[in-house]
PDB file of N, CA and C in Angstrom:
ATOM      1  N   UNK A   1     -52.361 144.690  -3.306  1.00  0.00           N
ATOM      2  CA  UNK A   1     -52.309 144.265  -4.746  1.00  0.00           C
ATOM      3  C   UNK A   1     -52.819 142.785  -4.804  1.00  0.00           C
ATOM      4  N   UNK A   2     -53.906 142.550  -5.482  1.00  0.00           N
ATOM      5  CA  UNK A   2     -54.295 141.121  -5.772  1.00  0.00           C
ATOM      6  C   UNK A   2     -53.183 140.283  -6.410  1.00  0.00           C
ATOM      7  N   UNK A   3     -52.997 139.064  -6.036  1.00  0.00           N
ATOM      8  CA  UNK A   3     -51.944 138.202  -6.584  1.00  0.00           C
ATOM      9  C   UNK A   3     -52.187 138.040  -8.140  1.00  0.00           C
ATOM     10  N   UNK A   4     -53.360 138.007  -8.543  1.00  0.00           N
ATOM     11  CA  UNK A   4     -53.721 137.851  -9.977  1.00  0.00           C
ATOM     12  C   UNK A   4     -53.135 139.087 -10.800  1.00  0.00           C
ATOM     13  N   UNK A   5     -52.982 140.151 -10.196  1.00  0.00           N
ATOM     14  CA  UNK A   5     -52.581 141.333 -10.959  1.00  0.00           C
ATOM     15  C   UNK A   5     -51.004 141.521 -11.083  1.00  0.00           C
ATOM     16  N   UNK A   6     -50.377 140.882 -10.160  1.00  0.00           N
ATOM     17  CA  UNK A   6     -48.906 140.980 -10.056  1.00  0.00           C
ATOM     18  C   UNK A   6     -48.101 140.628 -11.295  1.00  0.00           C
ATOM     19  N   UNK A   7     -48.419 139.599 -11.994  1.00  0.00           N
ATOM     20  CA  UNK A   7     -47.738 139.250 -13.228  1.00  0.00           C
ATOM     21  C   UNK A   7     -47.989 140.186 -14.407  1.00  0.00           C
ATOM     22  N   UNK A   8     -49.018 140.940 -14.253  1.00  0.00           N
ATOM     23  CA  UNK A   8     -49.413 141.924 -15.399  1.00  0.00           C
ATOM     24  C   UNK A   8     -48.962 143.282 -15.147  1.00  0.00           C
ATOM     25  N   UNK A   9     -48.433 143.641 -13.931  1.00  0.00           N
ATOM     26  CA  UNK A   9     -48.215 145.045 -13.514  1.00  0.00           C
ATOM     27  C   UNK A   9     -47.365 145.839 -14.539  1.00  0.00           C
ATOM     28  N   UNK A  10     -46.400 145.148 -15.080  1.00  0.00           N
ATOM     29  CA  UNK A  10     -45.360 145.905 -15.874  1.00  0.00           C
ATOM     30  C   UNK A  10     -45.698 145.706 -17.408  1.00  0.00           C
ATOM     31  N   UNK A  11     -46.826 145.164 -17.764  1.00  0.00           N
ATOM     32  CA  UNK A  11     -47.161 145.074 -19.126  1.00  0.00           C
ATOM     33  C   UNK A  11     -47.778 146.346 -19.694  1.00  0.00           C
ATOM     34  N   UNK A  12     -47.411 146.613 -20.969  1.00  0.00           N
ATOM     35  CA  UNK A  12     -47.894 147.766 -21.687  1.00  0.00           C
ATOM     36  C   UNK A  12     -49.475 147.757 -21.669  1.00  0.00           C
ATOM     37  N   UNK A  13     -50.214 148.861 -21.216  1.00  0.00           N
ATOM     38  CA  UNK A  13     -51.563 148.885 -21.230  1.00  0.00           C
ATOM     39  C   UNK A  13     -52.305 148.379 -20.010  1.00  0.00           C
ATOM     40  N   UNK A  14     -51.591 147.753 -19.128  1.00  0.00           N
ATOM     41  CA  UNK A  14     -52.284 147.171 -17.978  1.00  0.00           C
ATOM     42  C   UNK A  14     -52.619 148.267 -17.003  1.00  0.00           C
ATOM     43  N   UNK A  15     -53.931 148.355 -16.564  1.00  0.00           N
ATOM     44  CA  UNK A  15     -54.339 149.211 -15.613  1.00  0.00           C
ATOM     45  C   UNK A  15     -55.459 148.711 -14.766  1.00  0.00           C
ATOM     46  N   UNK A  16     -55.563 149.193 -13.533  1.00  0.00           N
ATOM     47  CA  UNK A  16     -56.712 148.770 -12.718  1.00  0.00           C
ATOM     48  C   UNK A  16     -57.718 149.974 -12.591  1.00  0.00           C
ATOM     49  N   UNK A  17     -57.478 150.989 -13.272  1.00  0.00           N
ATOM     50  CA  UNK A  17     -58.320 152.176 -13.169  1.00  0.00           C
ATOM     51  C   UNK A  17     -58.497 152.859 -14.419  1.00  0.00           C
ATOM     52  N   UNK A  18     -58.357 154.212 -14.402  1.00  0.00           N
ATOM     53  CA  UNK A  18     -58.522 155.007 -15.538  1.00  0.00           C
ATOM     54  C   UNK A  18     -57.152 155.474 -16.244  1.00  0.00           C
ATOM     55  N   UNK A  19     -56.142 154.823 -15.774  1.00  0.00           N
ATOM     56  CA  UNK A  19     -54.804 155.249 -16.335  1.00  0.00           C
ATOM     57  C   UNK A  19     -54.600 154.678 -17.733  1.00  0.00           C
ATOM     58  N   UNK A  20     -53.433 155.091 -18.250  1.00  0.00           N
ATOM     59  CA  UNK A  20     -53.032 154.719 -19.606  1.00  0.00           C
ATOM     60  C   UNK A  20     -52.464 153.269 -19.670  1.00  0.00           C
ATOM     61  N   UNK A  21     -51.917 152.850 -18.553  1.00  0.00           N
ATOM     62  CA  UNK A  21     -51.165 151.569 -18.472  1.00  0.00           C
ATOM     63  C   UNK A  21     -49.775 151.682 -18.985  1.00  0.00           C
ATOM     64  N   UNK A  22     -49.334 152.831 -19.041  1.00  0.00           N
ATOM     65  CA  UNK A  22     -47.980 153.077 -19.500  1.00  0.00           C
ATOM     66  C   UNK A  22     -46.922 153.342 -18.425  1.00  0.00           C
ATOM     67  N   UNK A  23     -47.343 153.769 -17.253  1.00  0.00           N
ATOM     68  CA  UNK A  23     -46.410 154.216 -16.240  1.00  0.00           C
ATOM     69  C   UNK A  23     -45.484 153.117 -15.684  1.00  0.00           C
ATOM     70  N   UNK A  24     -46.034 152.169 -15.199  1.00  0.00           N
ATOM     71  CA  UNK A  24     -45.107 151.032 -14.687  1.00  0.00           C
ATOM     72  C   UNK A  24     -44.295 150.314 -15.763  1.00  0.00           C
ATOM     73  N   UNK A  25     -45.052 150.283 -16.993  1.00  0.00           N
ATOM     74  CA  UNK A  25     -44.325 149.744 -18.089  1.00  0.00           C
ATOM     75  C   UNK A  25     -43.075 150.455 -18.449  1.00  0.00           C
ATOM     76  N   UNK A  26     -43.186 151.763 -18.501  1.00  0.00           N
ATOM     77  CA  UNK A  26     -42.081 152.556 -18.856  1.00  0.00           C
ATOM     78  C   UNK A  26     -40.957 152.619 -17.750  1.00  0.00           C
ATOM     79  N   UNK A  27     -41.390 152.666 -16.528  1.00  0.00           N
ATOM     80  CA  UNK A  27     -40.522 152.518 -15.398  1.00  0.00           C
ATOM     81  C   UNK A  27     -39.640 151.255 -15.583  1.00  0.00           C
ATOM     82  N   UNK A  28     -40.316 150.100 -15.804  1.00  0.00           N
ATOM     83  CA  UNK A  28     -39.599 148.768 -15.943  1.00  0.00           C
ATOM     84  C   UNK A  28     -38.663 148.887 -17.130  1.00  0.00           C
ATOM     85  N   UNK A  29     -38.969 149.406 -18.242  1.00  0.00           N
ATOM     86  CA  UNK A  29     -38.160 149.498 -19.509  1.00  0.00           C
ATOM     87  C   UNK A  29     -36.982 150.296 -19.107  1.00  0.00           C
ATOM     88  N   UNK A  30     -37.058 151.452 -18.474  1.00  0.00           N
ATOM     89  CA  UNK A  30     -35.923 152.271 -18.205  1.00  0.00           C
ATOM     90  C   UNK A  30     -34.973 151.558 -17.169  1.00  0.00           C
ATOM     91  N   UNK A  31     -35.599 150.862 -16.237  1.00  0.00           N
ATOM     92  CA  UNK A  31     -34.692 150.177 -15.195  1.00  0.00           C
ATOM     93  C   UNK A  31     -33.997 148.993 -15.922  1.00  0.00           C
ATOM     94  N   UNK A  32     -34.604 148.378 -16.876  1.00  0.00           N
ATOM     95  CA  UNK A  32     -33.950 147.331 -17.574  1.00  0.00           C
ATOM     96  C   UNK A  32     -32.719 147.837 -18.327  1.00  0.00           C
ATOM     97  N   UNK A  33     -32.803 149.097 -18.881  1.00  0.00           N
ATOM     98  CA  UNK A  33     -31.581 149.636 -19.595  1.00  0.00           C
ATOM     99  C   UNK A  33     -30.427 149.769 -18.655  1.00  0.00           C
ATOM    100  N   UNK A  34     -30.628 150.132 -17.385  1.00  0.00           N
ATOM    101  CA  UNK A  34     -29.619 150.263 -16.398  1.00  0.00           C
ATOM    102  C   UNK A  34     -29.189 148.989 -15.626  1.00  0.00           C
ATOM    103  N   UNK A  35     -29.929 147.946 -15.940  1.00  0.00           N
ATOM    104  CA  UNK A  35     -29.571 146.639 -15.214  1.00  0.00           C
ATOM    105  C   UNK A  35     -30.187 146.597 -13.820  1.00  0.00           C
ATOM    106  N   UNK A  36     -31.174 147.448 -13.535  1.00  0.00           N
ATOM    107  CA  UNK A  36     -31.858 147.433 -12.275  1.00  0.00           C
ATOM    108  C   UNK A  36     -33.048 146.611 -12.411  1.00  0.00           C
ATOM    109  N   UNK A  37     -33.545 146.151 -11.259  1.00  0.00           N
ATOM    110  CA  UNK A  37     -34.772 145.436 -11.268  1.00  0.00           C
ATOM    111  C   UNK A  37     -35.925 146.024 -10.288  1.00  0.00           C
ATOM    112  N   UNK A  38     -37.081 145.794 -10.605  1.00  0.00           N
ATOM    113  CA  UNK A  38     -38.217 146.221  -9.790  1.00  0.00           C
ATOM    114  C   UNK A  38     -39.275 145.148  -9.639  1.00  0.00           C
ATOM    115  N   UNK A  39     -39.741 144.889  -8.517  1.00  0.00           N
ATOM    116  CA  UNK A  39     -40.753 143.986  -8.305  1.00  0.00           C
ATOM    117  C   UNK A  39     -41.815 144.497  -7.303  1.00  0.00           C
ATOM    118  N   UNK A  40     -43.056 143.995  -7.404  1.00  0.00           N
ATOM    119  CA  UNK A  40     -44.061 144.333  -6.511  1.00  0.00           C
ATOM    120  C   UNK A  40     -44.153 143.254  -5.461  1.00  0.00           C
ATOM    121  N   UNK A  41     -43.884 143.518  -4.223  1.00  0.00           N
ATOM    122  CA  UNK A  41     -43.978 142.374  -3.264  1.00  0.00           C
ATOM    123  C   UNK A  41     -44.742 142.852  -1.937  1.00  0.00           C
ATOM    124  N   UNK A  42     -45.816 143.510  -2.164  1.00  0.00           N
ATOM    125  CA  UNK A  42     -46.778 143.903  -1.135  1.00  0.00           C
ATOM    126  C   UNK A  42     -47.692 142.773  -0.797  1.00  0.00           C
ATOM    127  N   UNK A  43     -48.465 142.984   0.203  1.00  0.00           N
ATOM    128  CA  UNK A  43     -49.474 142.046   0.671  1.00  0.00           C
ATOM    129  C   UNK A  43     -50.865 142.587   0.315  1.00  0.00           C
ATOM    130  N   UNK A  44     -51.731 141.732  -0.220  1.00  0.00           N
ATOM    131  CA  UNK A  44     -53.064 142.016  -0.572  1.00  0.00           C
ATOM    132  C   UNK A  44     -53.761 142.566   0.645  1.00  0.00           C
ATOM    133  N   UNK A  45     -54.484 143.699   0.408  1.00  0.00           N
ATOM    134  CA  UNK A  45     -55.178 144.402   1.495  1.00  0.00           C
ATOM    135  C   UNK A  45     -54.355 145.332   2.280  1.00  0.00           C
ATOM    136  N   UNK A  46     -53.082 145.419   2.152  1.00  0.00           N
ATOM    137  CA  UNK A  46     -52.130 146.286   2.880  1.00  0.00           C
ATOM    138  C   UNK A  46     -51.464 147.244   1.907  1.00  0.00           C
ATOM    139  N   UNK A  47     -51.758 147.136   0.646  1.00  0.00           N
ATOM    140  CA  UNK A  47     -51.216 148.145  -0.300  1.00  0.00           C
ATOM    141  C   UNK A  47     -50.040 147.555  -1.103  1.00  0.00           C
ATOM    142  N   UNK A  48     -49.641 148.336  -2.122  1.00  0.00           N
ATOM    143  CA  UNK A  48     -48.584 147.899  -3.005  1.00  0.00           C
ATOM    144  C   UNK A  48     -47.254 148.263  -2.338  1.00  0.00           C
ATOM    145  N   UNK A  49     -46.218 147.439  -2.584  1.00  0.00           N
ATOM    146  CA  UNK A  49     -44.836 147.689  -2.147  1.00  0.00           C
ATOM    147  C   UNK A  49     -43.919 147.350  -3.332  1.00  0.00           C
ATOM    148  N   UNK A  50     -43.179 148.312  -3.737  1.00  0.00           N
ATOM    149  CA  UNK A  50     -42.212 148.028  -4.835  1.00  0.00           C
ATOM    150  C   UNK A  50     -40.771 147.984  -4.308  1.00  0.00           C
ATOM    151  N   UNK A  51     -40.024 147.010  -4.701  1.00  0.00           N
ATOM    152  CA  UNK A  51     -38.673 146.895  -4.226  1.00  0.00           C
ATOM    153  C   UNK A  51     -37.799 146.922  -5.520  1.00  0.00           C
ATOM    154  N   UNK A  52     -36.856 147.962  -5.406  1.00  0.00           N
ATOM    155  CA  UNK A  52     -35.937 148.228  -6.553  1.00  0.00           C
ATOM    156  C   UNK A  52     -34.502 147.780  -6.104  1.00  0.00           C
ATOM    157  N   UNK A  53     -33.865 147.016  -7.059  1.00  0.00           N
ATOM    158  CA  UNK A  53     -32.501 146.583  -6.716  1.00  0.00           C
ATOM    159  C   UNK A  53     -31.618 147.168  -7.792  1.00  0.00           C
ATOM    160  N   UNK A  54     -30.582 147.821  -7.287  1.00  0.00           N
ATOM    161  CA  UNK A  54     -29.609 148.465  -8.083  1.00  0.00           C
ATOM    162  C   UNK A  54     -28.153 147.833  -7.852  1.00  0.00           C
ATOM    163  N   UNK A  55     -27.612 147.259  -8.897  1.00  0.00           N
ATOM    164  CA  UNK A  55     -26.293 146.620  -8.703  1.00  0.00           C
ATOM    165  C   UNK A  55     -25.185 147.567  -8.020  1.00  0.00           C
ATOM    166  N   UNK A  56     -24.265 146.987  -7.490  1.00  0.00           N
ATOM    167  CA  UNK A  56     -23.054 147.717  -6.908  1.00  0.00           C
ATOM    168  C   UNK A  56     -22.503 148.590  -8.070  1.00  0.00           C
ATOM    169  N   UNK A  57     -21.841 149.750  -7.744  1.00  0.00           N
ATOM    170  CA  UNK A  57     -21.340 150.652  -8.579  1.00  0.00           C
ATOM    171  C   UNK A  57     -20.256 149.984  -9.450  1.00  0.00           C
ATOM    172  N   UNK A  58     -19.441 149.115  -8.747  1.00  0.00           N
ATOM    173  CA  UNK A  58     -18.300 148.488  -9.458  1.00  0.00           C
ATOM    174  C   UNK A  58     -18.797 147.731 -10.646  1.00  0.00           C
ATOM    175  N   UNK A  59     -19.999 147.062 -10.499  1.00  0.00           N
ATOM    176  CA  UNK A  59     -20.500 146.320 -11.619  1.00  0.00           C
ATOM    177  C   UNK A  59     -20.941 147.325 -12.756  1.00  0.00           C
ATOM    178  N   UNK A  60     -21.532 148.439 -12.368  1.00  0.00           N
ATOM    179  CA  UNK A  60     -22.077 149.443 -13.248  1.00  0.00           C
ATOM    180  C   UNK A  60     -20.859 149.983 -14.080  1.00  0.00           C
ATOM    181  N   UNK A  61     -19.762 150.255 -13.374  1.00  0.00           N
ATOM    182  CA  UNK A  61     -18.642 150.827 -14.038  1.00  0.00           C
ATOM    183  C   UNK A  61     -18.118 149.916 -15.220  1.00  0.00           C
ATOM    184  N   UNK A  62     -18.075 148.568 -14.812  1.00  0.00           N
ATOM    185  CA  UNK A  62     -17.639 147.661 -15.744  1.00  0.00           C
ATOM    186  C   UNK A  62     -18.535 147.508 -16.938  1.00  0.00           C
ATOM    187  N   UNK A  63     -19.809 147.573 -16.679  1.00  0.00           N
ATOM    188  CA  UNK A  63     -20.842 147.546 -17.778  1.00  0.00           C
ATOM    189  C   UNK A  63     -20.742 148.763 -18.642  1.00  0.00           C
ATOM    190  N   UNK A  64     -20.478 149.901 -18.045  1.00  0.00           N
ATOM    191  CA  UNK A  64     -20.319 151.061 -18.826  1.00  0.00           C
ATOM    192  C   UNK A  64     -19.118 151.038 -19.703  1.00  0.00           C
ATOM    193  N   UNK A  65     -18.032 150.567 -19.156  1.00  0.00           N
ATOM    194  CA  UNK A  65     -16.694 150.255 -19.987  1.00  0.00           C
ATOM    195  C   UNK A  65     -17.080 149.339 -21.184  1.00  0.00           C
ATOM    196  N   UNK A  66     -17.767 148.301 -20.872  1.00  0.00           N
ATOM    197  CA  UNK A  66     -17.960 147.312 -21.954  1.00  0.00           C
ATOM    198  C   UNK A  66     -18.906 148.007 -22.968  1.00  0.00           C
ATOM    199  N   UNK A  67     -19.942 148.852 -22.630  1.00  0.00           N
ATOM    200  CA  UNK A  67     -20.770 149.514 -23.543  1.00  0.00           C
ATOM    201  C   UNK A  67     -19.895 150.508 -24.427  1.00  0.00           C
ATOM    202  N   UNK A  68     -19.082 151.255 -23.635  1.00  0.00           N
ATOM    203  CA  UNK A  68     -18.208 152.255 -24.381  1.00  0.00           C
ATOM    204  C   UNK A  68     -17.430 151.587 -25.488  1.00  0.00           C
ATOM    205  N   UNK A  69     -16.751 150.445 -25.166  1.00  0.00           N
ATOM    206  CA  UNK A  69     -15.997 149.650 -26.070  1.00  0.00           C
ATOM    207  C   UNK A  69     -16.775 149.272 -27.289  1.00  0.00           C
ATOM    208  N   UNK A  70     -18.026 148.765 -27.043  1.00  0.00           N
ATOM    209  CA  UNK A  70     -18.904 148.388 -28.154  1.00  0.00           C
ATOM    210  C   UNK A  70     -19.259 149.533 -29.155  1.00  0.00           C
ATOM    211  N   UNK A  71     -19.543 150.723 -28.404  1.00  0.00           N
ATOM    212  CA  UNK A  71     -19.831 151.864 -29.245  1.00  0.00           C
ATOM    213  C   UNK A  71     -18.639 152.323 -30.006  1.00  0.00           C
ATOM    214  N   UNK A  72     -17.473 152.357 -29.452  1.00  0.00           N
ATOM    215  CA  UNK A  72     -16.288 152.813 -30.045  1.00  0.00           C
ATOM    216  C   UNK A  72     -15.856 151.980 -31.188  1.00  0.00           C
ATOM    217  N   UNK A  73     -16.118 150.636 -31.046  1.00  0.00           N
ATOM    218  CA  UNK A  73     -15.726 149.738 -32.083  1.00  0.00           C
ATOM    219  C   UNK A  73     -16.714 149.684 -33.243  1.00  0.00           C
ATOM    220  N   UNK A  74     -17.920 150.305 -33.064  1.00  0.00           N
ATOM    221  CA  UNK A  74     -18.857 150.321 -34.095  1.00  0.00           C
ATOM    222  C   UNK A  74     -19.787 148.985 -34.226  1.00  0.00           C
ATOM    223  N   UNK A  75     -19.683 148.062 -33.206  1.00  0.00           N
ATOM    224  CA  UNK A  75     -20.494 146.887 -33.349  1.00  0.00           C
ATOM    225  C   UNK A  75     -21.951 147.127 -33.135  1.00  0.00           C
TER     226      UNK A  75
END
């Protein structure tokens, strides 16, 4: 993956071929909802490499409880 493309990878409409430019954009948006992260950290000429980070379950449970409280209180 050329370094110049990396900052644009998750932007809506960005494509290096004939795609729609929605795939990685939608993946990133869905991961943001769950508090996960995705980055491309491959080396040019060797292919793309995506690293996904998922927080520990204990943090996820706390976040879900906080969200549940927000929805129940009607905020």
